[in-house]
Amino acid sequence: MAYRKIGFLVEMSWNFIQESSQLWNAGTLPVEFRPTQSFLAPAVRTSSSGIVNNSTAEVEVQKSGKVVFISAVAVSQGHNIGHCIWIAN
């Protein structure tokens, strides 16, 4: 996961192996990167070969700065891939 702030916008992108369907708490963003409101953003779920899996994945970015990645099903060597932008506090 990588994120950066440009003016009042924050951009976050990710591409990592997430094999289980358990929630993964990636940590908490610094205060200046936190969104004005909590939100969910869609992500892409792929198999190890890069083929898109027919299941959902998403990220939840909370107003408190907590970042949680969610995957609907367990996929061996599955990747959670995505990108989102929000307005910072």
PDB file of N, CA and C in Angstrom:
ATOM      1  N   MET A   1       0.840  -1.160   0.000  1.00  0.00           N
ATOM      2  CA  MET A   1       0.000   0.000   0.000  1.00  0.00           C
ATOM      3  C   MET A   1       0.894   1.234   0.000  1.00  0.00           C
ATOM      4  N   ALA A   2       0.550   2.179  -0.829  1.00  0.00           N
ATOM      5  CA  ALA A   2       1.277   3.449  -0.877  1.00  0.00           C
ATOM      6  C   ALA A   2       0.261   4.577  -0.935  1.00  0.00           C
ATOM      7  N   TYR A   3       0.569   5.678  -0.290  1.00  0.00           N
ATOM      8  CA  TYR A   3      -0.323   6.826  -0.343  1.00  0.00           C
ATOM      9  C   TYR A   3       0.505   8.102  -0.366  1.00  0.00           C
ATOM     10  N   ARG A   4      -0.102   9.152  -0.932  1.00  0.00           N
ATOM     11  CA  ARG A   4       0.556  10.450  -0.992  1.00  0.00           C
ATOM     12  C   ARG A   4      -0.504  11.537  -0.987  1.00  0.00           C
ATOM     13  N   LYS A   5      -0.088  12.723  -0.568  1.00  0.00           N
ATOM     14  CA  LYS A   5      -1.011  13.850  -0.500  1.00  0.00           C
ATOM     15  C   LYS A   5      -0.539  14.928  -1.467  1.00  0.00           C
ATOM     16  N   ILE A   6      -1.471  15.413  -2.277  1.00  0.00           N
ATOM     17  CA  ILE A   6      -1.203  16.491  -3.223  1.00  0.00           C
ATOM     18  C   ILE A   6      -2.245  17.575  -2.930  1.00  0.00           C
ATOM     19  N   GLY A   7      -1.822  18.661  -2.296  1.00  0.00           N
ATOM     20  CA  GLY A   7      -2.783  19.676  -1.876  1.00  0.00           C
ATOM     21  C   GLY A   7      -3.710  19.100  -0.825  1.00  0.00           C
ATOM     22  N   PHE A   8      -5.024  19.133  -1.088  1.00  0.00           N
ATOM     23  CA  PHE A   8      -5.995  18.570  -0.144  1.00  0.00           C
ATOM     24  C   PHE A   8      -6.446  17.164  -0.550  1.00  0.00           C
ATOM     25  N   LEU A   9      -5.911  16.621  -1.656  1.00  0.00           N
ATOM     26  CA  LEU A   9      -6.272  15.279  -2.110  1.00  0.00           C
ATOM     27  C   LEU A   9      -5.256  14.242  -1.641  1.00  0.00           C
ATOM     28  N   VAL A  10      -5.758  13.078  -1.261  1.00  0.00           N
ATOM     29  CA  VAL A  10      -4.907  11.945  -0.912  1.00  0.00           C
ATOM     30  C   VAL A  10      -5.174  10.840  -1.924  1.00  0.00           C
ATOM     31  N   GLU A  11      -4.112  10.263  -2.445  1.00  0.00           N
ATOM     32  CA  GLU A  11      -4.200   9.155  -3.396  1.00  0.00           C
ATOM     33  C   GLU A  11      -3.582   7.927  -2.746  1.00  0.00           C
ATOM     34  N   MET A  12      -4.279   6.803  -2.830  1.00  0.00           N
ATOM     35  CA  MET A  12      -3.760   5.549  -2.271  1.00  0.00           C
ATOM     36  C   MET A  12      -3.878   4.454  -3.328  1.00  0.00           C
ATOM     37  N   SER A  13      -2.840   3.656  -3.478  1.00  0.00           N
ATOM     38  CA  SER A  13      -2.892   2.498  -4.383  1.00  0.00           C
ATOM     39  C   SER A  13      -2.303   1.298  -3.651  1.00  0.00           C
ATOM     40  N   TRP A  14      -2.735   0.096  -4.088  1.00  0.00           N
ATOM     41  CA  TRP A  14      -2.265  -1.127  -3.448  1.00  0.00           C
ATOM     42  C   TRP A  14      -2.293  -2.284  -4.433  1.00  0.00           C
ATOM     43  N   ASN A  15      -1.448  -3.249  -4.184  1.00  0.00           N
ATOM     44  CA  ASN A  15      -1.365  -4.495  -4.950  1.00  0.00           C
ATOM     45  C   ASN A  15      -0.574  -5.463  -4.086  1.00  0.00           C
ATOM     46  N   PHE A  16      -1.279  -6.327  -3.382  1.00  0.00           N
ATOM     47  CA  PHE A  16      -0.611  -7.247  -2.467  1.00  0.00           C
ATOM     48  C   PHE A  16      -1.339  -8.587  -2.432  1.00  0.00           C
ATOM     49  N   ILE A  17      -0.651  -9.604  -1.974  1.00  0.00           N
ATOM     50  CA  ILE A  17      -1.259 -10.933  -1.843  1.00  0.00           C
ATOM     51  C   ILE A  17      -2.140 -10.949  -0.604  1.00  0.00           C
ATOM     52  N   GLN A  18      -3.399 -11.317  -0.805  1.00  0.00           N
ATOM     53  CA  GLN A  18      -4.350 -11.503   0.290  1.00  0.00           C
ATOM     54  C   GLN A  18      -5.064 -12.817   0.021  1.00  0.00           C
ATOM     55  N   GLU A  19      -4.607 -13.864   0.666  1.00  0.00           N
ATOM     56  CA  GLU A  19      -5.134 -15.204   0.386  1.00  0.00           C
ATOM     57  C   GLU A  19      -6.404 -15.534   1.154  1.00  0.00           C
ATOM     58  N   SER A  20      -6.622 -14.924   2.309  1.00  0.00           N
ATOM     59  CA  SER A  20      -7.787 -15.280   3.118  1.00  0.00           C
ATOM     60  C   SER A  20      -8.916 -14.274   2.935  1.00  0.00           C
ATOM     61  N   SER A  21     -10.072 -14.631   3.464  1.00  0.00           N
ATOM     62  CA  SER A  21     -11.213 -13.721   3.411  1.00  0.00           C
ATOM     63  C   SER A  21     -11.345 -12.938   4.719  1.00  0.00           C
ATOM     64  N   GLN A  22     -10.348 -13.051   5.577  1.00  0.00           N
ATOM     65  CA  GLN A  22     -10.367 -12.303   6.836  1.00  0.00           C
ATOM     66  C   GLN A  22     -10.047 -10.832   6.583  1.00  0.00           C
ATOM     67  N   LEU A  23     -10.617  -9.970   7.405  1.00  0.00           N
ATOM     68  CA  LEU A  23     -10.310  -8.547   7.309  1.00  0.00           C
ATOM     69  C   LEU A  23      -8.837  -8.346   7.644  1.00  0.00           C
ATOM     70  N   TRP A  24      -8.177  -7.455   6.903  1.00  0.00           N
ATOM     71  CA  TRP A  24      -6.787  -7.137   7.191  1.00  0.00           C
ATOM     72  C   TRP A  24      -6.678  -5.662   7.547  1.00  0.00           C
ATOM     73  N   ASN A  25      -6.329  -5.395   8.803  1.00  0.00           N
ATOM     74  CA  ASN A  25      -6.145  -4.029   9.267  1.00  0.00           C
ATOM     75  C   ASN A  25      -4.734  -3.603   8.885  1.00  0.00           C
ATOM     76  N   ALA A  26      -4.634  -2.694   7.918  1.00  0.00           N
ATOM     77  CA  ALA A  26      -3.333  -2.280   7.398  1.00  0.00           C
ATOM     78  C   ALA A  26      -2.683  -1.200   8.246  1.00  0.00           C
ATOM     79  N   GLY A  27      -3.400  -0.635   9.203  1.00  0.00           N
ATOM     80  CA  GLY A  27      -2.839   0.405  10.056  1.00  0.00           C
ATOM     81  C   GLY A  27      -3.692   1.656  10.046  1.00  0.00           C
ATOM     82  N   THR A  28      -3.115   2.735  10.554  1.00  0.00           N
ATOM     83  CA  THR A  28      -3.831   4.000  10.681  1.00  0.00           C
ATOM     84  C   THR A  28      -3.052   5.101   9.971  1.00  0.00           C
ATOM     85  N   LEU A  29      -3.746   5.873   9.172  1.00  0.00           N
ATOM     86  CA  LEU A  29      -3.132   6.983   8.441  1.00  0.00           C
ATOM     87  C   LEU A  29      -2.781   8.126   9.401  1.00  0.00           C
ATOM     88  N   PRO A  30      -1.720   8.878   9.117  1.00  0.00           N
ATOM     89  CA  PRO A  30      -1.430  10.082   9.901  1.00  0.00           C
ATOM     90  C   PRO A  30      -2.596  11.067   9.797  1.00  0.00           C
ATOM     91  N   VAL A  31      -2.752  11.917  10.782  1.00  0.00           N
ATOM     92  CA  VAL A  31      -3.896  12.837  10.870  1.00  0.00           C
ATOM     93  C   VAL A  31      -4.096  13.637   9.583  1.00  0.00           C
ATOM     94  N   GLU A  32      -3.027  14.155   8.991  1.00  0.00           N
ATOM     95  CA  GLU A  32      -3.171  15.008   7.803  1.00  0.00           C
ATOM     96  C   GLU A  32      -3.597  14.252   6.543  1.00  0.00           C
ATOM     97  N   PHE A  33      -3.630  12.911   6.584  1.00  0.00           N
ATOM     98  CA  PHE A  33      -4.040  12.098   5.437  1.00  0.00           C
ATOM     99  C   PHE A  33      -5.457  11.525   5.595  1.00  0.00           C
ATOM    100  N   ARG A  34      -6.082  11.740   6.708  1.00  0.00           N
ATOM    101  CA  ARG A  34      -7.383  11.130   6.993  1.00  0.00           C
ATOM    102  C   ARG A  34      -8.514  11.786   6.208  1.00  0.00           C
ATOM    103  N   PRO A  35      -9.509  10.976   5.784  1.00  0.00           N
ATOM    104  CA  PRO A  35     -10.640  11.535   5.027  1.00  0.00           C
ATOM    105  C   PRO A  35     -11.606  12.301   5.928  1.00  0.00           C
ATOM    106  N   THR A  36     -12.395  13.170   5.312  1.00  0.00           N
ATOM    107  CA  THR A  36     -13.397  13.917   6.075  1.00  0.00           C
ATOM    108  C   THR A  36     -14.561  13.019   6.498  1.00  0.00           C
ATOM    109  N   GLN A  37     -14.804  11.935   5.751  1.00  0.00           N
ATOM    110  CA  GLN A  37     -15.845  10.955   6.067  1.00  0.00           C
ATOM    111  C   GLN A  37     -15.317   9.554   5.759  1.00  0.00           C
ATOM    112  N   SER A  38     -15.765   8.553   6.505  1.00  0.00           N
ATOM    113  CA  SER A  38     -15.405   7.162   6.222  1.00  0.00           C
ATOM    114  C   SER A  38     -15.998   6.744   4.879  1.00  0.00           C
ATOM    115  N   PHE A  39     -15.327   5.828   4.167  1.00  0.00           N
ATOM    116  CA  PHE A  39     -15.863   5.350   2.894  1.00  0.00           C
ATOM    117  C   PHE A  39     -15.333   3.955   2.568  1.00  0.00           C
ATOM    118  N   LEU A  40     -16.046   3.281   1.670  1.00  0.00           N
ATOM    119  CA  LEU A  40     -15.617   2.005   1.085  1.00  0.00           C
ATOM    120  C   LEU A  40     -15.298   2.256  -0.376  1.00  0.00           C
ATOM    121  N   ALA A  41     -14.243   1.626  -0.877  1.00  0.00           N
ATOM    122  CA  ALA A  41     -13.899   1.742  -2.300  1.00  0.00           C
ATOM    123  C   ALA A  41     -13.692   0.337  -2.850  1.00  0.00           C
ATOM    124  N   PRO A  42     -14.150   0.074  -4.076  1.00  0.00           N
ATOM    125  CA  PRO A  42     -13.975  -1.257  -4.664  1.00  0.00           C
ATOM    126  C   PRO A  42     -12.525  -1.527  -5.027  1.00  0.00           C
ATOM    127  N   ALA A  43     -12.195  -2.806  -5.067  1.00  0.00           N
ATOM    128  CA  ALA A  43     -10.870  -3.254  -5.479  1.00  0.00           C
ATOM    129  C   ALA A  43     -11.047  -4.416  -6.451  1.00  0.00           C
ATOM    130  N   VAL A  44      -9.966  -4.851  -7.045  1.00  0.00           N
ATOM    131  CA  VAL A  44      -9.990  -5.989  -7.965  1.00  0.00           C
ATOM    132  C   VAL A  44      -9.341  -7.178  -7.266  1.00  0.00           C
ATOM    133  N   ARG A  45      -9.953  -8.331  -7.409  1.00  0.00           N
ATOM    134  CA  ARG A  45      -9.435  -9.570  -6.837  1.00  0.00           C
ATOM    135  C   ARG A  45      -8.955 -10.427  -7.986  1.00  0.00           C
ATOM    136  N   THR A  46      -7.670 -10.836  -7.984  1.00  0.00           N
ATOM    137  CA  THR A  46      -7.146 -11.672  -9.058  1.00  0.00           C
ATOM    138  C   THR A  46      -6.568 -12.968  -8.507  1.00  0.00           C
ATOM    139  N   SER A  47      -6.459 -13.950  -9.371  1.00  0.00           N
ATOM    140  CA  SER A  47      -5.771 -15.189  -9.022  1.00  0.00           C
ATOM    141  C   SER A  47      -4.271 -14.974  -9.203  1.00  0.00           C
ATOM    142  N   SER A  48      -3.468 -15.960  -8.856  1.00  0.00           N
ATOM    143  CA  SER A  48      -2.008 -15.830  -8.982  1.00  0.00           C
ATOM    144  C   SER A  48      -1.571 -15.617 -10.430  1.00  0.00           C
ATOM    145  N   SER A  49      -2.401 -16.060 -11.392  1.00  0.00           N
ATOM    146  CA  SER A  49      -2.068 -15.892 -12.808  1.00  0.00           C
ATOM    147  C   SER A  49      -2.416 -14.490 -13.327  1.00  0.00           C
ATOM    148  N   GLY A  50      -3.075 -13.681 -12.479  1.00  0.00           N
ATOM    149  CA  GLY A  50      -3.460 -12.333 -12.886  1.00  0.00           C
ATOM    150  C   GLY A  50      -4.864 -12.238 -13.449  1.00  0.00           C
ATOM    151  N   ILE A  51      -5.551 -13.371 -13.554  1.00  0.00           N
ATOM    152  CA  ILE A  51      -6.924 -13.365 -14.061  1.00  0.00           C
ATOM    153  C   ILE A  51      -7.853 -12.866 -12.966  1.00  0.00           C
ATOM    154  N   VAL A  52      -8.746 -11.940 -13.316  1.00  0.00           N
ATOM    155  CA  VAL A  52      -9.670 -11.371 -12.338  1.00  0.00           C
ATOM    156  C   VAL A  52     -10.582 -12.465 -11.815  1.00  0.00           C
ATOM    157  N   ASN A  53     -10.678 -12.522 -10.497  1.00  0.00           N
ATOM    158  CA  ASN A  53     -11.520 -13.496  -9.819  1.00  0.00           C
ATOM    159  C   ASN A  53     -12.930 -12.920  -9.720  1.00  0.00           C
ATOM    160  N   ASN A  54     -13.942 -13.749  -9.829  1.00  0.00           N
ATOM    161  CA  ASN A  54     -15.332 -13.278  -9.782  1.00  0.00           C
ATOM    162  C   ASN A  54     -15.819 -13.180  -8.336  1.00  0.00           C
ATOM    163  N   SER A  55     -15.077 -12.450  -7.518  1.00  0.00           N
ATOM    164  CA  SER A  55     -15.484 -12.177  -6.145  1.00  0.00           C
ATOM    165  C   SER A  55     -15.123 -10.734  -5.822  1.00  0.00           C
ATOM    166  N   THR A  56     -15.657 -10.232  -4.757  1.00  0.00           N
ATOM    167  CA  THR A  56     -15.443  -8.822  -4.443  1.00  0.00           C
ATOM    168  C   THR A  56     -14.269  -8.613  -3.493  1.00  0.00           C
ATOM    169  N   ALA A  57     -13.706  -7.449  -3.593  1.00  0.00           N
ATOM    170  CA  ALA A  57     -12.683  -6.978  -2.663  1.00  0.00           C
ATOM    171  C   ALA A  57     -12.890  -5.476  -2.537  1.00  0.00           C
ATOM    172  N   GLU A  58     -12.508  -4.948  -1.405  1.00  0.00           N
ATOM    173  CA  GLU A  58     -12.651  -3.517  -1.199  1.00  0.00           C
ATOM    174  C   GLU A  58     -11.747  -3.054  -0.078  1.00  0.00           C
ATOM    175  N   VAL A  59     -11.656  -1.737   0.049  1.00  0.00           N
ATOM    176  CA  VAL A  59     -10.920  -1.119   1.144  1.00  0.00           C
ATOM    177  C   VAL A  59     -11.886  -0.210   1.884  1.00  0.00           C
ATOM    178  N   GLU A  60     -11.768  -0.192   3.184  1.00  0.00           N
ATOM    179  CA  GLU A  60     -12.523   0.749   4.005  1.00  0.00           C
ATOM    180  C   GLU A  60     -11.512   1.712   4.613  1.00  0.00           C
ATOM    181  N   VAL A  61     -11.706   3.001   4.359  1.00  0.00           N
ATOM    182  CA  VAL A  61     -10.870   4.029   4.962  1.00  0.00           C
ATOM    183  C   VAL A  61     -11.785   4.800   5.907  1.00  0.00           C
ATOM    184  N   GLN A  62     -11.501   4.691   7.189  1.00  0.00           N
ATOM    185  CA  GLN A  62     -12.357   5.298   8.193  1.00  0.00           C
ATOM    186  C   GLN A  62     -11.927   6.732   8.502  1.00  0.00           C
ATOM    187  N   LYS A  63     -12.867   7.517   8.958  1.00  0.00           N
ATOM    188  CA  LYS A  63     -12.600   8.907   9.342  1.00  0.00           C
ATOM    189  C   LYS A  63     -11.482   8.980  10.377  1.00  0.00           C
ATOM    190  N   SER A  64     -11.363   7.935  11.193  1.00  0.00           N
ATOM    191  CA  SER A  64     -10.319   7.863  12.221  1.00  0.00           C
ATOM    192  C   SER A  64      -8.938   7.590  11.622  1.00  0.00           C
ATOM    193  N   GLY A  65      -8.891   7.256  10.310  1.00  0.00           N
ATOM    194  CA  GLY A  65      -7.633   6.957   9.642  1.00  0.00           C
ATOM    195  C   GLY A  65      -7.330   5.474   9.527  1.00  0.00           C
ATOM    196  N   LYS A  66      -8.140   4.632  10.151  1.00  0.00           N
ATOM    197  CA  LYS A  66      -7.931   3.186  10.074  1.00  0.00           C
ATOM    198  C   LYS A  66      -8.210   2.705   8.649  1.00  0.00           C
ATOM    199  N   VAL A  67      -7.305   1.857   8.113  1.00  0.00           N
ATOM    200  CA  VAL A  67      -7.439   1.309   6.763  1.00  0.00           C
ATOM    201  C   VAL A  67      -7.599  -0.208   6.879  1.00  0.00           C
ATOM    202  N   VAL A  68      -8.712  -0.722   6.323  1.00  0.00           N
ATOM    203  CA  VAL A  68      -9.020  -2.149   6.404  1.00  0.00           C
ATOM    204  C   VAL A  68      -9.295  -2.684   5.006  1.00  0.00           C
ATOM    205  N   PHE A  69      -8.625  -3.780   4.645  1.00  0.00           N
ATOM    206  CA  PHE A  69      -8.851  -4.433   3.354  1.00  0.00           C
ATOM    207  C   PHE A  69      -9.751  -5.639   3.557  1.00  0.00           C
ATOM    208  N   ILE A  70     -10.691  -5.816   2.634  1.00  0.00           N
ATOM    209  CA  ILE A  70     -11.730  -6.834   2.735  1.00  0.00           C
ATOM    210  C   ILE A  70     -11.746  -7.656   1.458  1.00  0.00           C
ATOM    211  N   SER A  71     -11.856  -8.972   1.598  1.00  0.00           N
ATOM    212  CA  SER A  71     -11.964  -9.861   0.454  1.00  0.00           C
ATOM    213  C   SER A  71     -13.084 -10.853   0.727  1.00  0.00           C
ATOM    214  N   ALA A  72     -13.935 -11.110  -0.272  1.00  0.00           N
ATOM    215  CA  ALA A  72     -15.104 -11.962  -0.076  1.00  0.00           C
ATOM    216  C   ALA A  72     -14.762 -13.443   0.056  1.00  0.00           C
ATOM    217  N   VAL A  73     -13.728 -13.900  -0.639  1.00  0.00           N
ATOM    218  CA  VAL A  73     -13.376 -15.324  -0.607  1.00  0.00           C
ATOM    219  C   VAL A  73     -11.866 -15.503  -0.500  1.00  0.00           C
ATOM    220  N   ALA A  74     -11.471 -16.676  -0.017  1.00  0.00           N
ATOM    221  CA  ALA A  74     -10.052 -17.022   0.043  1.00  0.00           C
ATOM    222  C   ALA A  74      -9.603 -17.520  -1.326  1.00  0.00           C
ATOM    223  N   VAL A  75      -8.481 -17.027  -1.815  1.00  0.00           N
ATOM    224  CA  VAL A  75      -7.927 -17.438  -3.101  1.00  0.00           C
ATOM    225  C   VAL A  75      -6.429 -17.665  -2.906  1.00  0.00           C
ATOM    226  N   SER A  76      -5.955 -18.853  -3.211  1.00  0.00           N
ATOM    227  CA  SER A  76      -4.534 -19.138  -3.074  1.00  0.00           C
ATOM    228  C   SER A  76      -3.718 -18.190  -3.954  1.00  0.00           C
ATOM    229  N   GLN A  77      -2.781 -17.485  -3.364  1.00  0.00           N
ATOM    230  CA  GLN A  77      -1.946 -16.492  -4.059  1.00  0.00           C
ATOM    231  C   GLN A  77      -2.780 -15.396  -4.714  1.00  0.00           C
ATOM    232  N   GLY A  78      -3.979 -15.140  -4.173  1.00  0.00           N
ATOM    233  CA  GLY A  78      -4.844 -14.092  -4.714  1.00  0.00           C
ATOM    234  C   GLY A  78      -4.306 -12.711  -4.389  1.00  0.00           C
ATOM    235  N   HIS A  79      -4.519 -11.775  -5.282  1.00  0.00           N
ATOM    236  CA  HIS A  79      -4.072 -10.404  -5.091  1.00  0.00           C
ATOM    237  C   HIS A  79      -5.267  -9.480  -4.886  1.00  0.00           C
ATOM    238  N   ASN A  80      -5.096  -8.491  -4.047  1.00  0.00           N
ATOM    239  CA  ASN A  80      -6.068  -7.426  -3.838  1.00  0.00           C
ATOM    240  C   ASN A  80      -5.425  -6.179  -4.448  1.00  0.00           C
ATOM    241  N   ILE A  81      -6.055  -5.615  -5.470  1.00  0.00           N
ATOM    242  CA  ILE A  81      -5.477  -4.519  -6.240  1.00  0.00           C
ATOM    243  C   ILE A  81      -6.478  -3.370  -6.307  1.00  0.00           C
ATOM    244  N   GLY A  82      -6.010  -2.153  -6.111  1.00  0.00           N
ATOM    245  CA  GLY A  82      -6.933  -1.033  -6.220  1.00  0.00           C
ATOM    246  C   GLY A  82      -6.260   0.326  -6.135  1.00  0.00           C
ATOM    247  N   HIS A  83      -7.113   1.347  -6.239  1.00  0.00           N
ATOM    248  CA  HIS A  83      -6.676   2.736  -6.240  1.00  0.00           C
ATOM    249  C   HIS A  83      -7.859   3.589  -5.823  1.00  0.00           C
ATOM    250  N   CYS A  84      -7.644   4.582  -4.977  1.00  0.00           N
ATOM    251  CA  CYS A  84      -8.724   5.497  -4.612  1.00  0.00           C
ATOM    252  C   CYS A  84      -8.147   6.862  -4.250  1.00  0.00           C
ATOM    253  N   ILE A  85      -9.018   7.871  -4.279  1.00  0.00           N
ATOM    254  CA  ILE A  85      -8.646   9.250  -3.979  1.00  0.00           C
ATOM    255  C   ILE A  85      -9.717   9.840  -3.071  1.00  0.00           C
ATOM    256  N   TRP A  86      -9.297  10.657  -2.094  1.00  0.00           N
ATOM    257  CA  TRP A  86     -10.254  11.318  -1.233  1.00  0.00           C
ATOM    258  C   TRP A  86      -9.744  12.695  -0.815  1.00  0.00           C
ATOM    259  N   ILE A  87     -10.649  13.480  -0.232  1.00  0.00           N
ATOM    260  CA  ILE A  87     -10.307  14.794   0.285  1.00  0.00           C
ATOM    261  C   ILE A  87      -9.911  14.636   1.745  1.00  0.00           C
ATOM    262  N   ALA A  88      -8.744  15.159   2.091  1.00  0.00           N
ATOM    263  CA  ALA A  88      -8.242  15.061   3.460  1.00  0.00           C
ATOM    264  C   ALA A  88      -8.852  16.138   4.337  1.00  0.00           C
ATOM    265  N   ASN A  89      -8.799  15.895   5.640  1.00  0.00           N
ATOM    266  CA  ASN A  89      -9.272  16.892   6.608  1.00  0.00           C
ATOM    267  C   ASN A  89      -8.538  18.200   6.464  1.00  0.00           C
TER     268      ASN A  89
END
